[in-house]
């Protein structure tokens, strides 16, 4: 397999260590429906099951907070502990905020002298120059893969709006049909999953409610999107819910030949 090194675009390094990527990542807001001027606090982690603080803190290096007018908002009191990270946000504007961590990058794997090699290393960025230097031109069984992962949650001060929720058109994203912060137990909500801006058809989606430690089993809800990428969830009760979907395809950015994309959202469902 021949790769044109000069065609490689610089991309940020993967934002989570390899060990954390094998676990479920989550962002847990203290509340999602508030008044303008109020504060909300967030916890984040990577764990065996969503919301269970038992493995590692969520890295906040590339935390993106989009305010209701589309500008960037800044977190305050950012802290990283042993099992969780946390930060606060004051809702200075009326409308809906998107709080997201976007994990994007490439990795190369090949064989050299009968040993498996991988580049870049943890904390390193994938660049054209680094790829040309680290990966031999005649690398055997070379595989270059791209990853795009989104972890998001949403909070609204006063009346909701959707300026902060516009999709980027890259990777797997969720768009509202039912407002993200207008969710109630024993009612159904409809969302739409898009892949590169197009409907993500017939895609498996897993929904898990908080409180796993106090149940006999995880009890996930297994769903699929329809032909238009729409997903309807009937919330069985109030609380926080973790919604996850992923896809693998060959629509990668060169020199990658395969891509994995995932979306994870955390939603608060209120009592009627």
Protein backbone atom coordinates (compact mmCIF):
# COMPACT_ATOMS: atom_id res chain seq x y z
CA UNK A 1 0.00 0.00 0.00
CA UNK A 2 1.51 3.30 -1.08
CA UNK A 3 0.80 6.50 0.78
CA UNK A 4 1.48 10.01 -0.47
CA UNK A 5 2.99 11.66 2.54
CA UNK A 6 2.49 15.18 1.28
CA UNK A 7 -1.30 14.66 1.16
CA UNK A 8 -1.60 14.27 4.92
CA UNK A 9 -3.38 17.11 6.69
CA UNK A 10 -2.41 18.02 10.23
CA UNK A 11 -4.94 16.79 12.76
CA UNK A 12 -5.10 17.06 16.55
CA UNK A 13 -3.99 14.14 18.62
CA UNK A 14 -6.54 11.82 20.15
CA UNK A 15 -7.80 13.50 23.26
CA UNK A 16 -8.20 10.48 25.50
CA UNK A 17 -5.66 7.85 26.46
CA UNK A 18 -6.13 4.45 24.84
CA UNK A 19 -7.28 2.89 28.11
CA UNK A 20 -10.01 5.50 28.53
CA UNK A 21 -11.30 4.92 25.00
CA UNK A 22 -12.15 1.33 25.97
CA UNK A 23 -14.58 2.69 28.57
CA UNK A 24 -17.78 4.70 28.37
CA UNK A 25 -17.29 8.46 28.57
CA UNK A 26 -19.93 10.76 29.98
CA UNK A 27 -20.69 14.35 31.03
CA UNK A 28 -23.09 14.77 33.94
CA UNK A 29 -24.76 18.18 34.36
CA UNK A 30 -26.23 19.09 37.75
CA UNK A 31 -29.32 20.52 36.00
CA UNK A 32 -30.27 21.17 32.38
CA UNK A 33 -33.23 23.59 32.67
CA UNK A 34 -32.40 26.82 34.49
CA UNK A 35 -32.89 30.57 34.47
CA UNK A 36 -30.56 33.14 32.93
CA UNK A 37 -27.70 33.99 35.27
CA UNK A 38 -27.78 30.70 37.16
CA UNK A 39 -24.84 28.32 37.48
CA UNK A 40 -24.59 24.68 36.46
CA UNK A 41 -21.80 22.27 37.38
CA UNK A 42 -20.57 19.27 35.39
CA UNK A 43 -18.77 16.04 36.22
CA UNK A 44 -17.07 13.95 33.54
CA UNK A 45 -15.43 10.56 33.50
CA UNK A 46 -14.59 7.35 31.67
CA UNK A 47 -15.93 4.21 33.33
CA UNK A 48 -17.17 0.68 32.86
CA UNK A 49 -20.74 1.99 32.82
CA UNK A 50 -22.06 5.54 32.30
CA UNK A 51 -22.10 7.84 35.34
CA UNK A 52 -20.21 5.35 37.56
CA UNK A 53 -17.04 7.00 38.87
CA UNK A 54 -14.75 3.98 38.90
CA UNK A 55 -12.00 4.41 36.31
CA UNK A 56 -10.57 7.74 35.10
CA UNK A 57 -11.40 11.43 34.81
CA UNK A 58 -12.52 12.87 31.50
CA UNK A 59 -9.81 14.97 29.89
CA UNK A 60 -11.03 18.50 29.25
CA UNK A 61 -8.25 19.69 26.95
CA UNK A 62 -10.61 20.34 24.06
CA UNK A 63 -13.81 21.17 25.86
CA UNK A 64 -16.05 23.27 23.61
CA UNK A 65 -18.93 25.27 25.08
CA UNK A 66 -21.16 26.98 22.54
CA UNK A 67 -23.42 29.73 23.88
CA UNK A 68 -26.95 30.39 22.59
CA UNK A 69 -25.71 33.09 20.20
CA UNK A 70 -23.08 30.75 18.68
CA UNK A 71 -20.07 32.25 20.46
CA UNK A 72 -17.75 30.32 22.75
CA UNK A 73 -18.30 30.35 26.51
CA UNK A 74 -15.62 29.60 29.07
CA UNK A 75 -15.82 27.13 31.96
CA UNK A 76 -14.81 28.15 35.46
CA UNK A 77 -13.32 26.26 38.41
CA UNK A 78 -11.96 23.50 36.17
CA UNK A 79 -10.62 20.58 38.18
CA UNK A 80 -9.31 17.09 37.38
CA UNK A 81 -9.32 14.47 40.09
CA UNK A 82 -8.48 10.79 40.21
CA UNK A 83 -11.85 9.50 39.02
CA UNK A 84 -13.63 12.54 37.58
CA UNK A 85 -13.18 16.01 36.15
CA UNK A 86 -15.45 18.93 36.95
CA UNK A 87 -16.16 22.51 35.91
CA UNK A 88 -18.81 25.21 36.37
CA UNK A 89 -20.66 27.34 33.84
CA UNK A 90 -22.71 30.48 34.41
CA UNK A 91 -25.58 30.83 31.94
CA UNK A 92 -25.18 34.50 31.05
CA UNK A 93 -27.37 34.28 27.94
CA UNK A 94 -30.91 33.05 27.43
CA UNK A 95 -31.21 29.98 25.25
CA UNK A 96 -29.56 26.58 24.77
CA UNK A 97 -25.87 25.81 25.36
CA UNK A 98 -23.99 22.86 23.85
CA UNK A 99 -21.21 21.44 26.02
CA UNK A 100 -19.04 19.11 23.94
CA UNK A 101 -15.76 17.29 23.78
CA UNK A 102 -14.75 16.39 20.22
CA UNK A 103 -12.10 13.68 19.96
CA UNK A 104 -10.57 13.56 16.48
CA UNK A 105 -7.35 12.15 15.09
CA UNK A 106 -5.56 9.49 13.06
CA UNK A 107 -3.37 6.54 13.90
CA UNK A 108 -1.12 4.28 11.84
CA UNK A 109 -0.33 0.62 12.54
CA UNK A 110 2.14 -1.55 10.62
CA UNK A 111 4.65 -4.37 10.97
CA UNK A 112 8.39 -3.88 11.00
CA UNK A 113 10.99 -6.56 11.70
CA UNK A 114 8.16 -8.90 12.72
CA UNK A 115 7.01 -6.45 15.37
CA UNK A 116 3.83 -4.42 15.45
CA UNK A 117 4.33 -0.65 15.40
CA UNK A 118 1.92 2.17 16.14
CA UNK A 119 2.15 5.93 15.63
CA UNK A 120 1.55 8.55 16.99
CA UNK A 121 2.19 7.82 20.63
CA UNK A 122 0.00 9.03 23.44
CA UNK A 123 -0.17 12.82 23.51
CA UNK A 124 1.41 13.21 20.07
CA UNK A 125 -0.31 14.83 17.08
CA UNK A 126 -0.71 13.21 13.67
CA UNK A 127 1.08 15.47 11.17
CA UNK A 128 2.38 15.05 7.63
CA UNK A 129 5.97 15.51 8.76
CA UNK A 130 5.66 13.11 11.67
CA UNK A 131 3.98 10.47 9.51
CA UNK A 132 6.72 10.67 6.87
CA UNK A 133 9.43 10.36 9.52
CA UNK A 134 7.88 7.66 11.69
CA UNK A 135 6.31 5.33 9.12
CA UNK A 136 8.64 3.58 6.63
CA UNK A 137 7.74 4.04 2.96
CA UNK A 138 7.70 0.24 2.57
CA UNK A 139 5.78 -0.45 5.80
CA UNK A 140 4.16 -3.87 5.75
CA UNK A 141 0.45 -4.33 6.48
CA UNK A 142 0.05 -0.59 6.96
CA UNK A 143 -3.33 0.51 8.27
CA UNK A 144 -4.19 4.17 8.79
CA UNK A 145 -7.46 4.87 10.57
CA UNK A 146 -9.37 8.01 11.48
CA UNK A 147 -11.49 8.52 14.60
CA UNK A 148 -14.15 11.17 15.20
CA UNK A 149 -15.93 11.01 18.56
CA UNK A 150 -18.41 13.46 20.04
CA UNK A 151 -19.50 13.62 23.65
CA UNK A 152 -22.18 16.23 24.29
CA UNK A 153 -24.76 17.48 26.75
CA UNK A 154 -27.06 20.48 26.66
CA UNK A 155 -28.46 23.03 29.11
CA UNK A 156 -31.04 25.76 28.57
CA UNK A 157 -31.57 29.06 30.35
CA UNK A 158 -35.11 30.36 29.85
CA UNK A 159 -36.47 29.87 26.33
CA UNK A 160 -34.58 27.28 24.21
CA UNK A 161 -33.07 27.99 20.79
CA UNK A 162 -31.02 25.94 18.33
CA UNK A 163 -28.17 28.25 17.23
CA UNK A 164 -25.60 26.29 19.25
CA UNK A 165 -26.94 22.97 17.97
CA UNK A 166 -26.22 23.36 14.26
CA UNK A 167 -24.26 20.32 13.01
CA UNK A 168 -20.75 20.73 11.63
CA UNK A 169 -21.32 18.23 8.81
CA UNK A 170 -18.40 16.08 9.97
CA UNK A 171 -18.83 12.73 11.67
CA UNK A 172 -21.85 11.47 13.57
CA UNK A 173 -24.08 14.16 15.11
CA UNK A 174 -27.51 14.47 16.72
CA UNK A 175 -30.02 17.18 15.79
CA UNK A 176 -33.24 17.95 17.67
CA UNK A 177 -36.78 17.34 16.48
CA UNK A 178 -37.97 17.45 20.08
CA UNK A 179 -36.05 20.15 21.97
CA UNK A 180 -33.14 18.62 23.88
CA UNK A 181 -34.21 20.24 27.17
CA UNK A 182 -37.93 19.60 26.81
CA UNK A 183 -37.96 15.92 27.77
CA UNK A 184 -40.45 14.30 30.14
CA UNK A 185 -40.93 10.85 31.60
CA UNK A 186 -43.60 8.65 30.00
CA UNK A 187 -43.43 10.78 26.85
CA UNK A 188 -41.61 10.14 23.58
CA UNK A 189 -38.90 12.37 22.12
CA UNK A 190 -37.66 12.35 18.54
CA UNK A 191 -34.11 13.18 17.42
CA UNK A 192 -32.25 12.81 14.14
CA UNK A 193 -28.79 11.30 13.69
CA UNK A 194 -26.74 12.52 10.74
CA UNK A 195 -23.43 11.28 9.38
CA UNK A 196 -21.47 13.98 7.54
CA UNK A 197 -24.73 15.94 7.42
CA UNK A 198 -26.75 13.12 5.82
CA UNK A 199 -29.31 10.83 7.49
CA UNK A 200 -27.68 8.00 9.45
CA UNK A 201 -30.06 5.25 8.37
CA UNK A 202 -30.71 1.97 10.21
CA UNK A 203 -28.13 2.81 12.89
CA UNK A 204 -28.15 0.97 16.22
CA UNK A 205 -28.53 3.22 19.26
CA UNK A 206 -28.11 2.32 22.94
CA UNK A 207 -29.87 4.23 25.72
CA UNK A 208 -28.89 3.70 29.38
CA UNK A 209 -30.48 5.36 32.40
CA UNK A 210 -28.49 6.59 35.39
CA UNK A 211 -28.63 4.58 38.62
CA UNK A 212 -26.91 1.47 37.27
CA UNK A 213 -25.31 0.74 40.64
CA UNK A 214 -28.74 0.31 42.18
CA UNK A 215 -30.20 -2.04 39.55
CA UNK A 216 -29.72 -5.76 39.10
CA UNK A 217 -28.66 -5.19 35.47
CA UNK A 218 -27.72 -2.33 33.15
CA UNK A 219 -31.06 -2.66 31.30
CA UNK A 220 -30.11 -0.83 28.11
CA UNK A 221 -32.77 0.26 25.63
CA UNK A 222 -31.81 -0.89 22.11
CA UNK A 223 -33.19 1.16 19.21
CA UNK A 224 -32.53 1.87 15.52
CA UNK A 225 -32.88 4.96 13.39
CA UNK A 226 -35.34 4.98 10.49
CA UNK A 227 -34.69 5.75 6.81
CA UNK A 228 -34.48 9.48 7.60
CA UNK A 229 -32.10 8.97 10.53
CA UNK A 230 -34.87 9.66 13.03
CA UNK A 231 -34.83 8.11 16.48
CA UNK A 232 -37.78 8.03 18.86
CA UNK A 233 -37.16 7.34 22.56
CA UNK A 234 -39.95 6.63 25.03
CA UNK A 235 -38.44 7.68 28.37
CA UNK A 236 -39.50 5.16 31.06
CA UNK A 237 -38.84 7.51 33.97
CA UNK A 238 -37.16 10.75 35.06
CA UNK A 239 -33.39 11.11 35.42
CA UNK A 240 -30.25 11.27 33.31
CA UNK A 241 -29.89 9.15 30.18
CA UNK A 242 -26.78 8.22 28.18
CA UNK A 243 -27.44 7.86 24.43
CA UNK A 244 -24.75 6.30 22.22
CA UNK A 245 -24.32 5.35 18.58
CA UNK A 246 -21.28 4.51 16.45
CA UNK A 247 -20.45 3.64 12.86
CA UNK A 248 -17.46 2.42 10.87
CA UNK A 249 -16.95 3.17 7.18
CA UNK A 250 -14.34 3.95 4.52
CA UNK A 251 -15.14 7.68 4.21
CA UNK A 252 -11.88 8.68 5.85
CA UNK A 253 -9.61 11.66 5.32
CA UNK A 254 -6.48 10.56 3.36
CA UNK A 255 -4.15 8.90 4.12
CA UNK A 256 -6.60 7.03 6.36
CA UNK A 257 -8.62 4.33 4.63
CA UNK A 258 -11.05 3.52 7.44
CA UNK A 259 -13.00 5.66 9.86
CA UNK A 260 -14.87 5.18 13.10
CA UNK A 261 -17.34 7.83 14.22
CA UNK A 262 -19.39 7.93 17.39
CA UNK A 263 -21.85 10.19 19.14
CA UNK A 264 -22.64 10.15 22.86
CA UNK A 265 -25.21 12.46 24.40
CA UNK A 266 -26.38 12.94 27.97
CA UNK A 267 -29.97 14.12 28.49
CA UNK A 268 -32.04 14.99 31.54
CA UNK A 269 -35.63 13.72 31.57
CA UNK A 270 -37.95 15.54 33.94
CA UNK A 271 -41.07 14.49 35.79
CA UNK A 272 -44.27 15.65 34.04
